[in-house]
């Protein structure tokens, strides 16, 4: 019974104290002015290609290495 009361009290404490941790909204991407008053696209102008290309190349290389290792291991067990 005591463990149940402690558990409920702890959960209630976390539920009530977490309301103060809510973050503010981020500023508008147009330098803080309202939407539609600037040329900056929503989400910023950061390119996604540089990291995405590298990620795809590294994934293909890793998959090729794993496939070749599996092929070598299977051929060694058949000998």
N, C-alpha and C. Protein backbone atom coordinates (compact mmCIF):
# COMPACT_ATOMS: atom_id res chain seq x y z
N UNK A 1 0.83 -1.19 0.00
CA UNK A 1 0.00 0.00 0.00
C UNK A 1 0.88 1.26 0.00
N UNK A 2 1.94 1.23 0.81
CA UNK A 2 2.82 2.39 0.90
C UNK A 2 3.51 2.63 -0.45
N UNK A 3 3.92 1.55 -1.12
CA UNK A 3 4.58 1.67 -2.43
C UNK A 3 3.63 2.28 -3.45
N UNK A 4 2.36 1.92 -3.41
CA UNK A 4 1.38 2.47 -4.34
C UNK A 4 1.19 3.97 -4.11
N UNK A 5 1.13 4.38 -2.87
CA UNK A 5 0.96 5.81 -2.56
C UNK A 5 2.18 6.60 -3.02
N UNK A 6 3.36 6.05 -2.81
CA UNK A 6 4.58 6.74 -3.25
C UNK A 6 4.61 6.85 -4.78
N UNK A 7 4.21 5.79 -5.47
CA UNK A 7 4.18 5.81 -6.93
C UNK A 7 3.20 6.84 -7.45
N UNK A 8 2.01 6.87 -6.89
CA UNK A 8 0.99 7.83 -7.32
C UNK A 8 1.44 9.26 -7.02
N UNK A 9 2.03 9.48 -5.86
CA UNK A 9 2.50 10.82 -5.51
C UNK A 9 3.62 11.27 -6.44
N UNK A 10 4.51 10.37 -6.80
CA UNK A 10 5.60 10.71 -7.71
C UNK A 10 5.07 11.05 -9.10
N UNK A 11 4.14 10.26 -9.60
CA UNK A 11 3.56 10.54 -10.91
C UNK A 11 2.80 11.86 -10.91
N UNK A 12 2.06 12.13 -9.84
CA UNK A 12 1.34 13.40 -9.75
C UNK A 12 2.31 14.58 -9.70
N UNK A 13 3.40 14.42 -8.98
CA UNK A 13 4.40 15.48 -8.89
C UNK A 13 5.01 15.77 -10.26
N UNK A 14 5.37 14.74 -11.00
CA UNK A 14 5.93 14.94 -12.33
C UNK A 14 4.90 15.55 -13.27
N UNK A 15 3.64 15.13 -13.18
CA UNK A 15 2.60 15.67 -14.05
C UNK A 15 2.36 17.15 -13.78
N UNK A 16 2.39 17.55 -12.52
CA UNK A 16 2.12 18.95 -12.19
C UNK A 16 3.32 19.85 -12.44
N UNK A 17 4.52 19.36 -12.23
CA UNK A 17 5.70 20.19 -12.42
C UNK A 17 6.14 20.29 -13.87
N UNK A 18 5.70 19.39 -14.72
CA UNK A 18 6.14 19.41 -16.11
C UNK A 18 5.46 20.51 -16.92
N UNK A 19 4.38 21.11 -16.41
CA UNK A 19 3.71 22.17 -17.17
C UNK A 19 4.58 23.41 -17.30
N UNK A 20 5.50 23.63 -16.39
CA UNK A 20 6.40 24.77 -16.48
C UNK A 20 7.53 24.57 -17.46
N UNK A 21 7.67 23.39 -18.02
CA UNK A 21 8.76 23.08 -18.94
C UNK A 21 8.38 23.23 -20.40
N UNK A 22 7.19 23.72 -20.67
CA UNK A 22 6.75 23.87 -22.05
C UNK A 22 7.53 25.01 -22.70
N UNK A 23 8.09 24.75 -23.86
CA UNK A 23 8.94 25.73 -24.54
C UNK A 23 8.10 26.76 -25.28
N UNK A 24 8.73 27.89 -25.59
CA UNK A 24 8.08 28.92 -26.38
C UNK A 24 8.08 28.51 -27.85
N UNK A 25 7.20 29.14 -28.61
CA UNK A 25 7.19 28.91 -30.05
C UNK A 25 8.45 29.50 -30.66
N UNK A 26 8.99 28.88 -31.72
CA UNK A 26 10.18 29.45 -32.36
C UNK A 26 9.82 30.75 -33.09
N UNK A 27 10.78 31.63 -33.31
CA UNK A 27 10.48 32.87 -34.03
C UNK A 27 10.19 32.58 -35.49
N UNK A 28 9.52 33.51 -36.13
CA UNK A 28 9.23 33.35 -37.55
C UNK A 28 10.54 33.36 -38.34
N UNK A 29 10.61 32.63 -39.44
CA UNK A 29 11.86 32.56 -40.20
C UNK A 29 12.21 33.86 -40.92
N UNK A 30 11.32 34.84 -40.93
CA UNK A 30 11.58 36.10 -41.63
C UNK A 30 12.17 37.15 -40.69
N UNK A 31 13.03 36.77 -39.80
CA UNK A 31 13.65 37.73 -38.90
C UNK A 31 12.74 38.18 -37.78
N UNK A 32 11.77 37.40 -37.43
CA UNK A 32 10.89 37.74 -36.32
C UNK A 32 9.61 38.42 -36.74
N UNK A 33 9.48 38.80 -38.01
CA UNK A 33 8.24 39.43 -38.44
C UNK A 33 7.22 38.36 -38.78
N UNK A 34 6.03 38.78 -39.10
CA UNK A 34 4.95 37.84 -39.38
C UNK A 34 5.19 37.05 -40.64
N UNK A 35 4.44 35.98 -40.81
CA UNK A 35 4.61 35.15 -42.01
C UNK A 35 4.20 35.90 -43.27
N UNK A 36 4.91 35.65 -44.34
CA UNK A 36 4.59 36.26 -45.62
C UNK A 36 5.21 37.62 -45.85
N UNK A 37 6.03 38.12 -44.95
CA UNK A 37 6.59 39.46 -45.12
C UNK A 37 8.05 39.44 -45.56
N UNK A 38 8.57 38.30 -45.94
CA UNK A 38 9.97 38.21 -46.36
C UNK A 38 10.14 37.17 -47.45
N UNK A 39 11.38 37.00 -47.89
CA UNK A 39 11.66 36.05 -48.96
C UNK A 39 12.16 34.70 -48.46
N UNK A 40 12.36 34.56 -47.16
CA UNK A 40 12.88 33.32 -46.62
C UNK A 40 11.80 32.25 -46.64
N UNK A 41 12.08 31.07 -47.22
CA UNK A 41 11.06 30.01 -47.21
C UNK A 41 10.86 29.47 -45.81
N UNK A 42 9.68 28.96 -45.55
CA UNK A 42 9.39 28.37 -44.25
C UNK A 42 10.27 27.15 -44.09
N UNK A 43 10.96 27.05 -42.98
CA UNK A 43 11.88 25.95 -42.75
C UNK A 43 13.31 26.34 -43.01
N UNK A 44 13.54 27.55 -43.46
CA UNK A 44 14.90 28.01 -43.70
C UNK A 44 15.39 27.62 -45.08
N UNK A 45 16.60 27.99 -45.37
CA UNK A 45 17.16 27.71 -46.68
C UNK A 45 18.27 26.69 -46.63
N UNK A 46 18.25 25.79 -45.65
CA UNK A 46 19.32 24.81 -45.50
C UNK A 46 19.16 23.69 -46.53
N UNK A 47 20.23 23.38 -47.28
CA UNK A 47 20.15 22.27 -48.23
C UNK A 47 20.23 20.93 -47.50
N UNK A 48 19.54 19.92 -48.03
CA UNK A 48 19.59 18.60 -47.42
C UNK A 48 20.42 17.63 -48.25
N UNK A 49 20.92 18.07 -49.40
CA UNK A 49 21.58 17.15 -50.31
C UNK A 49 22.94 16.68 -49.82
N UNK A 50 23.74 17.53 -49.21
CA UNK A 50 25.10 17.17 -48.83
C UNK A 50 25.14 15.97 -47.91
N UNK A 51 24.40 15.99 -46.85
CA UNK A 51 24.40 14.89 -45.90
C UNK A 51 23.65 13.68 -46.42
N UNK A 52 22.60 13.91 -47.19
CA UNK A 52 21.80 12.79 -47.70
C UNK A 52 22.59 11.96 -48.71
N UNK A 53 23.34 12.61 -49.58
CA UNK A 53 24.15 11.88 -50.55
C UNK A 53 25.21 11.04 -49.85
N UNK A 54 25.87 11.64 -48.87
CA UNK A 54 26.89 10.91 -48.12
C UNK A 54 26.28 9.72 -47.39
N UNK A 55 25.11 9.91 -46.81
CA UNK A 55 24.44 8.82 -46.09
C UNK A 55 24.08 7.68 -47.04
N UNK A 56 23.59 7.99 -48.22
CA UNK A 56 23.24 6.94 -49.18
C UNK A 56 24.47 6.19 -49.67
N UNK A 57 25.56 6.91 -49.94
CA UNK A 57 26.79 6.26 -50.39
C UNK A 57 27.36 5.34 -49.31
N UNK A 58 27.38 5.83 -48.08
CA UNK A 58 27.90 5.01 -46.98
C UNK A 58 27.01 3.78 -46.74
N UNK A 59 25.71 3.93 -46.87
CA UNK A 59 24.80 2.79 -46.71
C UNK A 59 25.01 1.75 -47.79
N UNK A 60 25.20 2.20 -49.03
CA UNK A 60 25.45 1.26 -50.13
C UNK A 60 26.77 0.54 -49.94
N UNK A 61 27.79 1.25 -49.50
CA UNK A 61 29.10 0.62 -49.26
C UNK A 61 29.00 -0.40 -48.13
N UNK A 62 28.30 -0.07 -47.06
CA UNK A 62 28.14 -1.00 -45.94
C UNK A 62 27.36 -2.25 -46.38
N UNK A 63 26.30 -2.07 -47.15
CA UNK A 63 25.53 -3.21 -47.64
C UNK A 63 26.34 -4.11 -48.56
N UNK A 64 27.16 -3.51 -49.42
CA UNK A 64 28.02 -4.28 -50.31
C UNK A 64 29.04 -5.08 -49.52
N UNK A 65 29.64 -4.46 -48.51
CA UNK A 65 30.61 -5.17 -47.67
C UNK A 65 29.97 -6.35 -46.96
N UNK A 66 28.76 -6.14 -46.40
CA UNK A 66 28.08 -7.23 -45.70
C UNK A 66 27.72 -8.37 -46.66
N UNK A 67 27.29 -8.03 -47.89
CA UNK A 67 26.94 -9.06 -48.86
C UNK A 67 28.16 -9.86 -49.28
N UNK A 68 29.28 -9.18 -49.51
CA UNK A 68 30.51 -9.89 -49.90
C UNK A 68 31.03 -10.76 -48.76
N UNK A 69 30.95 -10.27 -47.53
CA UNK A 69 31.38 -11.07 -46.38
C UNK A 69 30.52 -12.32 -46.24
N UNK A 70 29.22 -12.17 -46.44
CA UNK A 70 28.31 -13.32 -46.36
C UNK A 70 28.62 -14.33 -47.46
N UNK A 71 28.89 -13.83 -48.68
CA UNK A 71 29.21 -14.71 -49.80
C UNK A 71 30.49 -15.49 -49.53
N UNK A 72 31.51 -14.81 -48.99
CA UNK A 72 32.78 -15.48 -48.67
C UNK A 72 32.59 -16.52 -47.58
N UNK A 73 31.82 -16.19 -46.55
CA UNK A 73 31.58 -17.14 -45.46
C UNK A 73 30.80 -18.36 -45.94
N UNK A 74 29.84 -18.17 -46.84
CA UNK A 74 29.07 -19.30 -47.36
C UNK A 74 29.93 -20.19 -48.25
N UNK A 75 30.83 -19.59 -49.03
CA UNK A 75 31.69 -20.40 -49.90
C UNK A 75 32.73 -21.16 -49.07
N UNK A 76 33.16 -20.61 -47.94
CA UNK A 76 34.12 -21.31 -47.08
C UNK A 76 33.48 -22.48 -46.35
N UNK A 77 32.20 -22.39 -46.02
CA UNK A 77 31.54 -23.49 -45.31
C UNK A 77 31.21 -24.63 -46.27
N UNK A 78 31.07 -24.35 -47.56
CA UNK A 78 30.76 -25.40 -48.53
C UNK A 78 32.01 -26.19 -48.93
N UNK A 79 33.18 -25.65 -48.71
CA UNK A 79 34.43 -26.34 -49.10
C UNK A 79 34.80 -27.43 -48.16
